[in-house]
Amino acid sequence: MKRCLWYCMLLFPFFVTAQDDLLAEIDKTDSTVVVEAAFKGLKIVNFESTKMLSKREFYFIVAHRFGSIKNGFDDFFGLDFANTRLHFLYGISDGLNVSVARSSFNKTYDASLKYRLLNQGTGSPVTVAGYSQLAVNTLLEEALILRPVDFDDRLSFTQQLLISRKFNDKLSLELMPTYFNEGYTAYAPQENSQYALGIGGRYKLGKRWSINMDYGWHLNRADGSPFVNPLSIGVDIETGGHVFQLHFTNAQPTFESGFLGNATGDWSEGDIYFGFNLSRVFNF
């Protein structure tokens, strides 16, 4: 894992994400004032970016994450095992967003807040936002954990600080120090309170497309854990009235505590998941 981390750090500048020149309506509503937004999408790949919705802006995002591609045609490269997330977001103000979502993974419901703290260019060299998420696992049953299920077992909470800098028109980077707490951990020795450091970015390759990358370094994973650090690479493409995000990742869950705490894929063995996000924006 340490070797993988060093490889990621060495290759990071070549794979960091760009998400430029998407829909004109999205560009117009970007609410960063002095320095244009480091990111044009709400997510890099798995991790949240520092982009915010504008006041009264409404997003609907459909995210699909299929099964592992390693079995090839046996399950049609994972397409027989889709994990779907329906995500609704609303801008209460230019600096405060709320959202609710439902994921197939563990039949999880989540609610989140995203709030801007600093803008790059307003006396600050970086843009800073906070992100808070509460998730509820409704699949957890007594038969799975061999004891009564308390409501606290179903809950997971995530708190992130999102720190980004736009270096030029093509390159933006972001750090995401993260705390998350799982009420029930699938690997018993794992502590409920967990810490991670996310690294992500974008690099613009063309007028309508970009390459993206993010990585989550789990800082207190228990010895012997079957779970791994999430590494994701994607491409964003603007097509007419929609924005497609296509990506490959070793984490099938799409919400924060899920992909940080429960990623199982192995890039070296081809045990990775293909997925895509489709976003639609509305203004009221």
Foldseek 3Di string as FASTA:
>chain_A
DVVVVVVCVVCVVVFFAAAPQADPVLQVQFPQDQDGAQHSDQAQAQHGALTFGAAQKKKWKKKKWFFFQLVPPVCPRRNVGIKIKIKIKHHNHNFKIKIWMFIPVLRKIKIKMKGWDDHPPPPDQKTKMKMKMKMFRPNDQCVLVVHHDDRLQRIKIKIWIWIKHRPDNFKIKIKIWMWMAHSHAPDVVFHRIWTWIKIWMHGDDDNFKTKIWMKIGTDDGDPPDQADIKIKIWMWGHDPQKIKIKIKMQFRDRDDCRRGRPRRADVVSSGIIIMMMIMGMDGD
